[in-house]
N, C-alpha and C. Protein backbone atom coordinates (compact mmCIF):
# COMPACT_ATOMS: atom_id res chain seq x y z
N MET A 1 69.45 92.18 97.40
CA MET A 1 69.40 93.79 97.31
C MET A 1 68.55 94.32 95.59
N PRO A 2 67.58 94.23 95.07
CA PRO A 2 67.89 95.41 93.62
C PRO A 2 68.13 96.29 93.46
N GLU A 3 69.04 95.69 92.32
CA GLU A 3 69.76 96.79 91.32
C GLU A 3 68.95 98.69 91.52
N THR A 4 69.53 99.18 91.76
CA THR A 4 69.41 100.46 92.07
C THR A 4 70.00 101.04 90.61
N LYS A 5 69.58 102.41 89.94
CA LYS A 5 70.80 103.17 88.84
C LYS A 5 71.25 103.85 89.61
N PRO A 6 72.40 104.12 88.58
CA PRO A 6 73.69 104.67 88.91
C PRO A 6 73.50 105.93 88.96
N ASP A 7 74.28 106.14 89.89
CA ASP A 7 73.58 108.38 90.59
C ASP A 7 74.98 108.87 88.95
N PRO A 8 74.06 109.13 88.57
CA PRO A 8 74.48 110.31 87.26
C PRO A 8 76.56 111.35 88.17
N GLU A 9 75.71 111.80 88.81
CA GLU A 9 76.94 112.39 90.56
C GLU A 9 78.02 111.99 90.48
N ILE A 10 77.72 110.22 91.31
CA ILE A 10 78.85 110.05 91.47
C ILE A 10 80.03 108.64 90.04
N GLN A 11 79.03 108.58 88.49
CA GLN A 11 79.58 108.30 87.25
C GLN A 11 80.55 108.96 87.53
N ALA A 12 79.47 110.73 87.79
CA ALA A 12 81.24 111.39 86.92
C ALA A 12 82.45 111.64 88.08
N LEU A 13 82.07 110.52 88.86
CA LEU A 13 83.86 111.64 90.09
C LEU A 13 84.31 110.24 88.79
N SER A 14 86.25 111.22 89.33
CA SER A 14 87.36 110.45 89.26
C SER A 14 87.87 109.21 89.73
N TYR A 15 88.79 108.25 89.87
CA TYR A 15 88.82 107.86 90.96
C TYR A 15 89.37 108.57 92.01
N GLU A 16 90.36 109.10 91.76
CA GLU A 16 90.79 110.07 92.95
C GLU A 16 89.29 110.95 93.73
N GLU A 17 88.68 111.00 93.26
CA GLU A 17 87.29 111.95 94.07
C GLU A 17 86.20 111.28 94.29
N ALA A 18 86.87 110.28 93.98
CA ALA A 18 85.40 109.09 94.46
C ALA A 18 86.06 108.67 95.89
N ARG A 19 87.03 108.24 95.04
CA ARG A 19 87.91 107.28 97.17
C ARG A 19 88.03 108.65 97.75
N GLU A 20 88.02 110.34 97.50
CA GLU A 20 88.25 110.89 99.15
C GLU A 20 86.90 110.93 99.38
N GLN A 21 86.07 110.58 98.54
CA GLN A 21 84.75 110.62 99.20
C GLN A 21 84.43 109.92 100.14
N LEU A 22 84.89 108.91 98.97
CA LEU A 22 84.00 107.11 99.68
C LEU A 22 85.43 107.24 101.70
N VAL A 23 87.03 107.75 101.68
CA VAL A 23 86.88 107.55 103.15
C VAL A 23 85.89 109.18 103.83
N GLN A 24 86.29 110.17 103.44
CA GLN A 24 85.15 110.89 104.19
C GLN A 24 83.86 110.22 104.36
N VAL A 25 82.77 108.95 103.78
CA VAL A 25 81.76 107.98 104.29
C VAL A 25 82.57 107.74 105.55
N VAL A 26 83.02 107.30 105.33
CA VAL A 26 83.84 105.91 106.21
C VAL A 26 84.19 107.11 107.56
N GLY A 27 84.80 108.02 107.49
CA GLY A 27 85.32 108.67 108.59
C GLY A 27 83.41 109.20 109.31
N LYS A 28 82.37 109.11 108.54
CA LYS A 28 81.64 110.11 109.59
C LYS A 28 81.08 108.74 109.85
N LEU A 29 80.69 107.67 109.18
CA LEU A 29 80.39 106.40 109.67
C LEU A 29 81.08 105.64 111.12
N GLU A 30 82.68 105.94 111.29
CA GLU A 30 83.47 105.71 112.40
C GLU A 30 83.16 106.47 113.30
N ALA A 31 82.56 107.59 112.78
CA ALA A 31 82.77 108.63 114.24
C ALA A 31 81.64 108.50 115.21
N GLY A 32 80.07 107.71 114.17
CA GLY A 32 78.94 107.60 114.92
C GLY A 32 78.66 108.97 115.13
N GLY A 33 77.58 109.58 116.13
CA GLY A 33 76.54 110.03 116.18
C GLY A 33 75.72 110.61 114.65
N ALA A 34 75.05 109.84 113.71
CA ALA A 34 74.09 109.61 112.84
C ALA A 34 73.33 108.94 113.66
N SER A 35 72.10 109.06 113.12
CA SER A 35 70.80 108.70 113.20
C SER A 35 70.46 107.54 111.95
N LEU A 36 70.08 106.91 112.72
CA LEU A 36 69.89 105.23 111.84
C LEU A 36 69.88 105.36 110.03
N GLU A 37 68.87 106.53 109.89
CA GLU A 37 68.54 107.08 108.63
C GLU A 37 70.51 107.41 107.93
N GLU A 38 70.41 108.94 108.82
CA GLU A 38 71.80 109.07 108.04
C GLU A 38 72.09 108.59 108.28
N SER A 39 72.47 107.20 109.32
CA SER A 39 73.30 106.38 108.92
C SER A 39 73.07 106.06 107.75
N LEU A 40 72.36 105.29 107.21
CA LEU A 40 71.52 104.35 106.29
C LEU A 40 72.01 105.42 104.52
N ALA A 41 71.58 106.80 104.54
CA ALA A 41 72.76 107.12 103.69
C ALA A 41 73.31 107.35 103.77
N LEU A 42 74.04 107.15 104.54
CA LEU A 42 75.69 107.66 104.29
C LEU A 42 76.32 105.92 103.84
N TRP A 43 76.10 104.88 104.26
CA TRP A 43 76.16 103.18 103.94
C TRP A 43 75.75 103.44 102.21
N GLU A 44 74.64 103.57 101.77
CA GLU A 44 74.73 103.78 100.76
C GLU A 44 75.78 104.78 99.94
N ARG A 45 75.93 105.84 99.99
CA ARG A 45 76.86 107.07 99.15
C ARG A 45 77.89 105.55 99.12
N GLY A 46 77.92 105.15 100.96
CA GLY A 46 79.78 104.46 100.44
C GLY A 46 79.95 103.13 99.97
N GLU A 47 78.51 102.93 98.96
CA GLU A 47 78.36 101.44 98.59
C GLU A 47 78.57 101.77 96.86
N ALA A 48 77.85 102.75 97.28
CA ALA A 48 78.29 103.65 95.26
C ALA A 48 79.94 103.89 95.57
N LEU A 49 80.04 104.25 96.05
CA LEU A 49 81.04 105.00 95.62
C LEU A 49 82.48 103.58 95.42
N ALA A 50 82.44 102.55 95.86
CA ALA A 50 83.39 102.12 96.29
C ALA A 50 82.89 100.69 95.36
N LYS A 51 81.33 101.20 94.43
CA LYS A 51 81.55 100.56 93.23
C LYS A 51 82.08 101.49 92.36
N ARG A 52 82.19 102.59 91.81
CA ARG A 52 82.82 103.58 91.36
C ARG A 52 83.81 103.05 90.44
N CYS A 53 85.47 103.34 92.17
CA CYS A 53 86.41 102.81 91.98
C CYS A 53 86.53 101.94 91.72
N GLU A 54 85.87 100.91 91.59
CA GLU A 54 85.90 99.40 90.69
C GLU A 54 86.01 99.08 89.41
N GLU A 55 84.87 100.39 90.04
CA GLU A 55 84.90 100.55 87.55
C GLU A 55 86.21 101.19 86.75
N TRP A 56 86.49 101.78 87.81
CA TRP A 56 87.82 102.86 87.28
C TRP A 56 88.91 101.54 87.72
N LEU A 57 89.57 101.54 88.38
CA LEU A 57 90.40 99.54 88.75
C LEU A 57 90.36 99.03 87.92
N GLU A 58 88.92 98.26 87.45
CA GLU A 58 88.56 98.00 86.49
C GLU A 58 89.25 98.21 84.99
N GLY A 59 88.52 98.73 84.61
CA GLY A 59 88.95 99.42 83.65
C GLY A 59 90.42 100.22 83.56
N ALA A 60 91.36 100.17 83.83
CA ALA A 60 92.76 99.90 84.00
C ALA A 60 93.66 98.78 83.42
N ARG A 61 92.84 97.68 84.74
CA ARG A 61 93.49 95.98 84.44
C ARG A 61 93.12 95.99 83.03
N LYS A 62 91.93 96.16 81.87
CA LYS A 62 91.77 96.08 81.44
C LYS A 62 92.92 96.76 79.65
N ARG A 63 92.37 97.44 80.76
CA ARG A 63 93.93 98.92 79.25
C ARG A 63 95.33 98.00 79.21
N LEU A 64 95.49 97.64 81.28
CA LEU A 64 97.24 97.08 80.61
C LEU A 64 97.15 95.53 80.21
N ALA A 65 95.54 94.78 80.27
CA ALA A 65 95.87 93.58 79.87
C ALA A 65 95.69 93.86 78.38
N ALA A 66 95.05 94.66 78.09
CA ALA A 66 94.99 95.16 76.11
C ALA A 66 96.18 94.97 75.80
N ALA A 67 96.92 96.63 76.69
CA ALA A 67 99.10 97.14 76.60
C ALA A 67 99.90 96.05 76.27
N ARG A 68 99.69 95.56 77.03
CA ARG A 68 100.16 93.27 77.02
C ARG A 68 100.06 93.08 75.91
N ASP A 69 98.96 92.49 75.63
CA ASP A 69 99.01 91.93 74.50
C ASP A 69 98.99 92.32 72.59
N GLN A 70 99.79 93.61 73.47
CA GLN A 70 99.89 94.71 72.11
C GLN A 70 101.28 94.19 71.59
N PRO A 71 101.47 94.32 70.54
CA PRO A 71 102.57 94.22 70.25
C PRO A 71 103.81 95.55 69.47
N LEU A 72 104.93 95.33 69.91
CA LEU A 72 104.94 96.49 69.56
C LEU A 72 106.16 96.95 68.58
């Protein structure tokens, strides 16, 4: 799958905002009833939101690791 440019709107979200929107996307997909085109758009947005959440978590892991390595 080709790499796409990050969506600036998604990149601006906090972890909590991205997670909440991801939960909403999953709920819509699970509920069904969307057209194939709508479902694909939801899936793509969900993927972007999940990636944003992972970026936030990876950043937090790195900050924790750096803090553990710093002498007090």
